[in-house]
Amino acid sequence: MQQDSYAQATVKELQKKLQEYKAALDVLRKEHTSQCTMADIELYLFGMGDRKKMI
Protein backbone atom coordinates (compact mmCIF):
# COMPACT_ATOMS: atom_id res chain seq x y z
CA MET A 1 0.00 0.00 0.00
CA GLN A 2 2.76 2.45 0.84
CA GLN A 3 4.34 2.04 -2.60
CA ASP A 4 0.98 2.66 -4.27
CA SER A 5 0.42 5.91 -2.35
CA TYR A 6 4.02 6.92 -3.10
CA ALA A 7 3.45 6.25 -6.81
CA GLN A 8 0.27 8.32 -6.77
CA ALA A 9 2.10 11.17 -5.05
CA THR A 10 4.85 10.95 -7.64
CA VAL A 11 2.32 11.00 -10.49
CA LYS A 12 0.66 14.07 -8.97
CA GLU A 13 4.04 15.79 -8.63
CA LEU A 14 4.89 14.96 -12.25
CA GLN A 15 1.53 16.25 -13.44
CA LYS A 16 2.13 19.49 -11.52
CA LYS A 17 5.61 19.81 -13.04
CA LEU A 18 4.15 19.21 -16.51
CA GLN A 19 1.56 21.95 -15.96
CA GLU A 20 4.31 24.33 -14.79
CA TYR A 21 6.39 23.47 -17.86
CA LYS A 22 3.47 24.05 -20.22
CA ALA A 23 2.71 27.39 -18.55
CA ALA A 24 6.35 28.48 -18.88
CA LEU A 25 6.34 27.34 -22.52
CA ASP A 26 3.22 29.41 -23.21
CA VAL A 27 4.89 32.48 -21.69
CA LEU A 28 8.00 31.88 -23.79
CA ARG A 29 5.93 31.52 -26.96
CA LYS A 30 4.09 34.77 -26.20
CA GLU A 31 7.38 36.61 -25.67
CA HIS A 32 8.99 35.20 -28.81
CA THR A 33 6.31 35.21 -31.47
CA SER A 34 8.53 34.65 -34.50
CA GLN A 35 8.41 30.89 -34.82
CA CYS A 36 9.24 28.74 -37.81
CA THR A 37 7.67 25.45 -38.72
CA MET A 38 9.83 22.37 -38.75
CA ALA A 39 9.53 19.28 -40.87
CA ASP A 40 7.52 16.49 -39.28
CA ILE A 41 10.24 13.85 -39.25
CA GLU A 42 11.67 11.84 -36.38
CA LEU A 43 15.37 12.10 -37.20
CA TYR A 44 17.58 15.09 -37.98
CA LEU A 45 21.20 15.34 -39.05
CA PHE A 46 23.12 17.81 -36.90
CA GLY A 47 26.58 18.28 -35.44
CA MET A 48 29.49 15.84 -35.14
CA GLY A 49 29.43 14.71 -38.76
CA ASP A 50 26.91 13.07 -41.01
CA ARG A 51 25.13 10.58 -38.75
CA LYS A 52 21.57 10.27 -37.51
CA LYS A 53 20.76 11.27 -33.96
CA MET A 54 17.50 10.99 -32.05
CA ILE A 55 16.05 14.13 -30.53
PDB file of N, CA and C in Angstrom:
ATOM      1  N   MET A   1       0.812  -1.204   0.000  1.00  0.00           N
ATOM      2  CA  MET A   1       0.000   0.000   0.000  1.00  0.00           C
ATOM      3  C   MET A   1       0.853   1.265   0.000  1.00  0.00           C
ATOM      4  N   GLN A   2       1.939   1.255   0.756  1.00  0.00           N
ATOM      5  CA  GLN A   2       2.760   2.451   0.843  1.00  0.00           C
ATOM      6  C   GLN A   2       3.360   2.791  -0.514  1.00  0.00           C
ATOM      7  N   GLN A   3       3.785   1.785  -1.280  1.00  0.00           N
ATOM      8  CA  GLN A   3       4.340   2.042  -2.603  1.00  0.00           C
ATOM      9  C   GLN A   3       3.295   2.643  -3.518  1.00  0.00           C
ATOM     10  N   ASP A   4       2.049   2.159  -3.415  1.00  0.00           N
ATOM     11  CA  ASP A   4       0.976   2.664  -4.268  1.00  0.00           C
ATOM     12  C   ASP A   4       0.704   4.136  -3.975  1.00  0.00           C
ATOM     13  N   SER A   5       0.654   4.503  -2.697  1.00  0.00           N
ATOM     14  CA  SER A   5       0.419   5.905  -2.355  1.00  0.00           C
ATOM     15  C   SER A   5       1.613   6.771  -2.757  1.00  0.00           C
ATOM     16  N   TYR A   6       2.822   6.201  -2.660  1.00  0.00           N
ATOM     17  CA  TYR A   6       4.017   6.918  -3.098  1.00  0.00           C
ATOM     18  C   TYR A   6       3.967   7.144  -4.604  1.00  0.00           C
ATOM     19  N   ALA A   7       3.548   6.126  -5.351  1.00  0.00           N
ATOM     20  CA  ALA A   7       3.450   6.246  -6.810  1.00  0.00           C
ATOM     21  C   ALA A   7       2.413   7.289  -7.177  1.00  0.00           C
ATOM     22  N   GLN A   8       1.300   7.320  -6.485  1.00  0.00           N
ATOM     23  CA  GLN A   8       0.268   8.317  -6.767  1.00  0.00           C
ATOM     24  C   GLN A   8       0.777   9.717  -6.470  1.00  0.00           C
ATOM     25  N   ALA A   9       1.530   9.868  -5.377  1.00  0.00           N
ATOM     26  CA  ALA A   9       2.100  11.175  -5.050  1.00  0.00           C
ATOM     27  C   ALA A   9       3.087  11.589  -6.125  1.00  0.00           C
ATOM     28  N   THR A  10       3.880  10.645  -6.601  1.00  0.00           N
ATOM     29  CA  THR A  10       4.851  10.947  -7.638  1.00  0.00           C
ATOM     30  C   THR A  10       4.151  11.353  -8.928  1.00  0.00           C
ATOM     31  N   VAL A  11       3.078  10.659  -9.282  1.00  0.00           N
ATOM     32  CA  VAL A  11       2.318  11.001 -10.490  1.00  0.00           C
ATOM     33  C   VAL A  11       1.741  12.401 -10.362  1.00  0.00           C
ATOM     34  N   LYS A  12       1.215  12.726  -9.185  1.00  0.00           N
ATOM     35  CA  LYS A  12       0.658  14.070  -8.971  1.00  0.00           C
ATOM     36  C   LYS A  12       1.747  15.134  -9.093  1.00  0.00           C
ATOM     37  N   GLU A  13       2.928  14.841  -8.536  1.00  0.00           N
ATOM     38  CA  GLU A  13       4.045  15.788  -8.633  1.00  0.00           C
ATOM     39  C   GLU A  13       4.463  15.972 -10.091  1.00  0.00           C
ATOM     40  N   LEU A  14       4.513  14.875 -10.834  1.00  0.00           N
ATOM     41  CA  LEU A  14       4.888  14.958 -12.245  1.00  0.00           C
ATOM     42  C   LEU A  14       3.848  15.722 -13.056  1.00  0.00           C
ATOM     43  N   GLN A  15       2.574  15.509 -12.749  1.00  0.00           N
ATOM     44  CA  GLN A  15       1.527  16.253 -13.440  1.00  0.00           C
ATOM     45  C   GLN A  15       1.632  17.744 -13.144  1.00  0.00           C
ATOM     46  N   LYS A  16       1.951  18.083 -11.893  1.00  0.00           N
ATOM     47  CA  LYS A  16       2.131  19.492 -11.524  1.00  0.00           C
ATOM     48  C   LYS A  16       3.327  20.087 -12.261  1.00  0.00           C
ATOM     49  N   LYS A  17       4.423  19.340 -12.317  1.00  0.00           N
ATOM     50  CA  LYS A  17       5.614  19.814 -13.041  1.00  0.00           C
ATOM     51  C   LYS A  17       5.302  20.002 -14.520  1.00  0.00           C
ATOM     52  N   LEU A  18       4.524  19.094 -15.111  1.00  0.00           N
ATOM     53  CA  LEU A  18       4.151  19.210 -16.512  1.00  0.00           C
ATOM     54  C   LEU A  18       3.309  20.460 -16.740  1.00  0.00           C
ATOM     55  N   GLN A  19       2.374  20.740 -15.846  1.00  0.00           N
ATOM     56  CA  GLN A  19       1.559  21.952 -15.959  1.00  0.00           C
ATOM     57  C   GLN A  19       2.432  23.199 -15.849  1.00  0.00           C
ATOM     58  N   GLU A  20       3.395  23.192 -14.932  1.00  0.00           N
ATOM     59  CA  GLU A  20       4.306  24.327 -14.789  1.00  0.00           C
ATOM     60  C   GLU A  20       5.131  24.515 -16.058  1.00  0.00           C
ATOM     61  N   TYR A  21       5.604  23.415 -16.625  1.00  0.00           N
ATOM     62  CA  TYR A  21       6.393  23.474 -17.858  1.00  0.00           C
ATOM     63  C   TYR A  21       5.566  24.043 -18.999  1.00  0.00           C
ATOM     64  N   LYS A  22       4.330  23.562 -19.133  1.00  0.00           N
ATOM     65  CA  LYS A  22       3.466  24.052 -20.219  1.00  0.00           C
ATOM     66  C   LYS A  22       3.151  25.532 -20.048  1.00  0.00           C
ATOM     67  N   ALA A  23       2.964  25.978 -18.804  1.00  0.00           N
ATOM     68  CA  ALA A  23       2.707  27.392 -18.551  1.00  0.00           C
ATOM     69  C   ALA A  23       3.935  28.228 -18.918  1.00  0.00           C
ATOM     70  N   ALA A  24       5.118  27.761 -18.542  1.00  0.00           N
ATOM     71  CA  ALA A  24       6.350  28.478 -18.883  1.00  0.00           C
ATOM     72  C   ALA A  24       6.555  28.498 -20.393  1.00  0.00           C
ATOM     73  N   LEU A  25       6.223  27.413 -21.065  1.00  0.00           N
ATOM     74  CA  LEU A  25       6.345  27.344 -22.517  1.00  0.00           C
ATOM     75  C   LEU A  25       5.387  28.321 -23.190  1.00  0.00           C
ATOM     76  N   ASP A  26       4.180  28.435 -22.666  1.00  0.00           N
ATOM     77  CA  ASP A  26       3.220  29.405 -23.209  1.00  0.00           C
ATOM     78  C   ASP A  26       3.740  30.831 -23.069  1.00  0.00           C
ATOM     79  N   VAL A  27       4.320  31.149 -21.910  1.00  0.00           N
ATOM     80  CA  VAL A  27       4.891  32.484 -21.689  1.00  0.00           C
ATOM     81  C   VAL A  27       6.016  32.736 -22.687  1.00  0.00           C
ATOM     82  N   LEU A  28       6.881  31.755 -22.859  1.00  0.00           N
ATOM     83  CA  LEU A  28       7.995  31.880 -23.793  1.00  0.00           C
ATOM     84  C   LEU A  28       7.493  32.115 -25.218  1.00  0.00           C
ATOM     85  N   ARG A  29       6.480  31.371 -25.613  1.00  0.00           N
ATOM     86  CA  ARG A  29       5.932  31.521 -26.962  1.00  0.00           C
ATOM     87  C   ARG A  29       5.278  32.882 -27.162  1.00  0.00           C
ATOM     88  N   LYS A  30       4.696  33.434 -26.098  1.00  0.00           N
ATOM     89  CA  LYS A  30       4.089  34.767 -26.202  1.00  0.00           C
ATOM     90  C   LYS A  30       5.166  35.842 -26.308  1.00  0.00           C
ATOM     91  N   GLU A  31       6.286  35.640 -25.619  1.00  0.00           N
ATOM     92  CA  GLU A  31       7.380  36.611 -25.665  1.00  0.00           C
ATOM     93  C   GLU A  31       8.124  36.566 -26.996  1.00  0.00           C
ATOM     94  N   HIS A  32       8.249  35.388 -27.560  1.00  0.00           N
ATOM     95  CA  HIS A  32       8.989  35.202 -28.812  1.00  0.00           C
ATOM     96  C   HIS A  32       8.032  34.672 -29.873  1.00  0.00           C
ATOM     97  N   THR A  33       7.382  35.597 -30.547  1.00  0.00           N
ATOM     98  CA  THR A  33       6.312  35.215 -31.467  1.00  0.00           C
ATOM     99  C   THR A  33       6.809  34.768 -32.831  1.00  0.00           C
ATOM    100  N   SER A  34       8.042  35.061 -33.185  1.00  0.00           N
ATOM    101  CA  SER A  34       8.530  34.648 -34.500  1.00  0.00           C
ATOM    102  C   SER A  34       8.990  33.188 -34.421  1.00  0.00           C
ATOM    103  N   GLN A  35       8.122  32.309 -34.844  1.00  0.00           N
ATOM    104  CA  GLN A  35       8.413  30.887 -34.820  1.00  0.00           C
ATOM    105  C   GLN A  35       8.423  30.357 -36.242  1.00  0.00           C
ATOM    106  N   CYS A  36       9.231  29.366 -36.495  1.00  0.00           N
ATOM    107  CA  CYS A  36       9.239  28.744 -37.805  1.00  0.00           C
ATOM    108  C   CYS A  36       8.719  27.316 -37.677  1.00  0.00           C
ATOM    109  N   THR A  37       8.154  26.819 -38.749  1.00  0.00           N
ATOM    110  CA  THR A  37       7.666  25.452 -38.725  1.00  0.00           C
ATOM    111  C   THR A  37       8.812  24.511 -39.081  1.00  0.00           C
ATOM    112  N   MET A  38       8.790  23.358 -38.488  1.00  0.00           N
ATOM    113  CA  MET A  38       9.825  22.367 -38.746  1.00  0.00           C
ATOM    114  C   MET A  38       9.195  21.165 -39.433  1.00  0.00           C
ATOM    115  N   ALA A  39      10.000  20.473 -40.181  1.00  0.00           N
ATOM    116  CA  ALA A  39       9.531  19.283 -40.865  1.00  0.00           C
ATOM    117  C   ALA A  39       9.090  18.235 -39.844  1.00  0.00           C
ATOM    118  N   ASP A  40       8.050  17.501 -40.177  1.00  0.00           N
ATOM    119  CA  ASP A  40       7.516  16.489 -39.275  1.00  0.00           C
ATOM    120  C   ASP A  40       8.209  15.156 -39.531  1.00  0.00           C
ATOM    121  N   ILE A  41       9.484  15.093 -39.124  1.00  0.00           N
ATOM    122  CA  ILE A  41      10.240  13.850 -39.249  1.00  0.00           C
ATOM    123  C   ILE A  41      10.850  13.520 -37.899  1.00  0.00           C
ATOM    124  N   GLU A  42      11.172  12.266 -37.686  1.00  0.00           N
ATOM    125  CA  GLU A  42      11.669  11.843 -36.377  1.00  0.00           C
ATOM    126  C   GLU A  42      13.167  12.029 -36.209  1.00  0.00           C
ATOM    127  N   LEU A  43      13.925  12.012 -37.294  1.00  0.00           N
ATOM    128  CA  LEU A  43      15.372  12.097 -37.199  1.00  0.00           C
ATOM    129  C   LEU A  43      15.899  13.329 -37.928  1.00  0.00           C
ATOM    130  N   TYR A  44      16.909  13.951 -37.369  1.00  0.00           N
ATOM    131  CA  TYR A  44      17.578  15.091 -37.984  1.00  0.00           C
ATOM    132  C   TYR A  44      19.069  14.806 -38.044  1.00  0.00           C
ATOM    133  N   LEU A  45      19.747  15.404 -38.990  1.00  0.00           N
ATOM    134  CA  LEU A  45      21.204  15.341 -39.047  1.00  0.00           C
ATOM    135  C   LEU A  45      21.732  16.656 -38.495  1.00  0.00           C
ATOM    136  N   PHE A  46      22.548  16.595 -37.444  1.00  0.00           N
ATOM    137  CA  PHE A  46      23.122  17.812 -36.899  1.00  0.00           C
ATOM    138  C   PHE A  46      24.384  17.488 -36.119  1.00  0.00           C
ATOM    139  N   GLY A  47      25.358  18.364 -36.232  1.00  0.00           N
ATOM    140  CA  GLY A  47      26.582  18.283 -35.445  1.00  0.00           C
ATOM    141  C   GLY A  47      27.354  16.983 -35.548  1.00  0.00           C
ATOM    142  N   MET A  48      28.620  17.005 -35.246  1.00  0.00           N
ATOM    143  CA  MET A  48      29.487  15.838 -35.136  1.00  0.00           C
ATOM    144  C   MET A  48      29.443  14.933 -36.368  1.00  0.00           C
ATOM    145  N   GLY A  49      29.354  15.503 -37.538  1.00  0.00           N
ATOM    146  CA  GLY A  49      29.429  14.709 -38.758  1.00  0.00           C
ATOM    147  C   GLY A  49      28.069  14.240 -39.263  1.00  0.00           C
ATOM    148  N   ASP A  50      28.111  13.478 -40.308  1.00  0.00           N
ATOM    149  CA  ASP A  50      26.909  13.066 -41.014  1.00  0.00           C
ATOM    150  C   ASP A  50      26.410  11.727 -40.454  1.00  0.00           C
ATOM    151  N   ARG A  51      25.729  11.791 -39.323  1.00  0.00           N
ATOM    152  CA  ARG A  51      25.133  10.584 -38.754  1.00  0.00           C
ATOM    153  C   ARG A  51      23.798  10.944 -38.123  1.00  0.00           C
ATOM    154  N   LYS A  52      22.901  10.004 -38.047  1.00  0.00           N
ATOM    155  CA  LYS A  52      21.569  10.274 -37.509  1.00  0.00           C
ATOM    156  C   LYS A  52      21.609  10.262 -35.986  1.00  0.00           C
ATOM    157  N   LYS A  53      20.867  11.181 -35.400  1.00  0.00           N
ATOM    158  CA  LYS A  53      20.759  11.272 -33.959  1.00  0.00           C
ATOM    159  C   LYS A  53      19.305  11.458 -33.583  1.00  0.00           C
ATOM    160  N   MET A  54      18.866  10.829 -32.536  1.00  0.00           N
ATOM    161  CA  MET A  54      17.496  10.989 -32.055  1.00  0.00           C
ATOM    162  C   MET A  54      17.390  12.262 -31.237  1.00  0.00           C
ATOM    163  N   ILE A  55      16.298  12.980 -31.403  1.00  0.00           N
ATOM    164  CA  ILE A  55      16.048  14.133 -30.529  1.00  0.00           C
ATOM    165  C   ILE A  55      14.691  14.000 -29.904  1.00  0.00           C
TER     166      ILE A  55
END
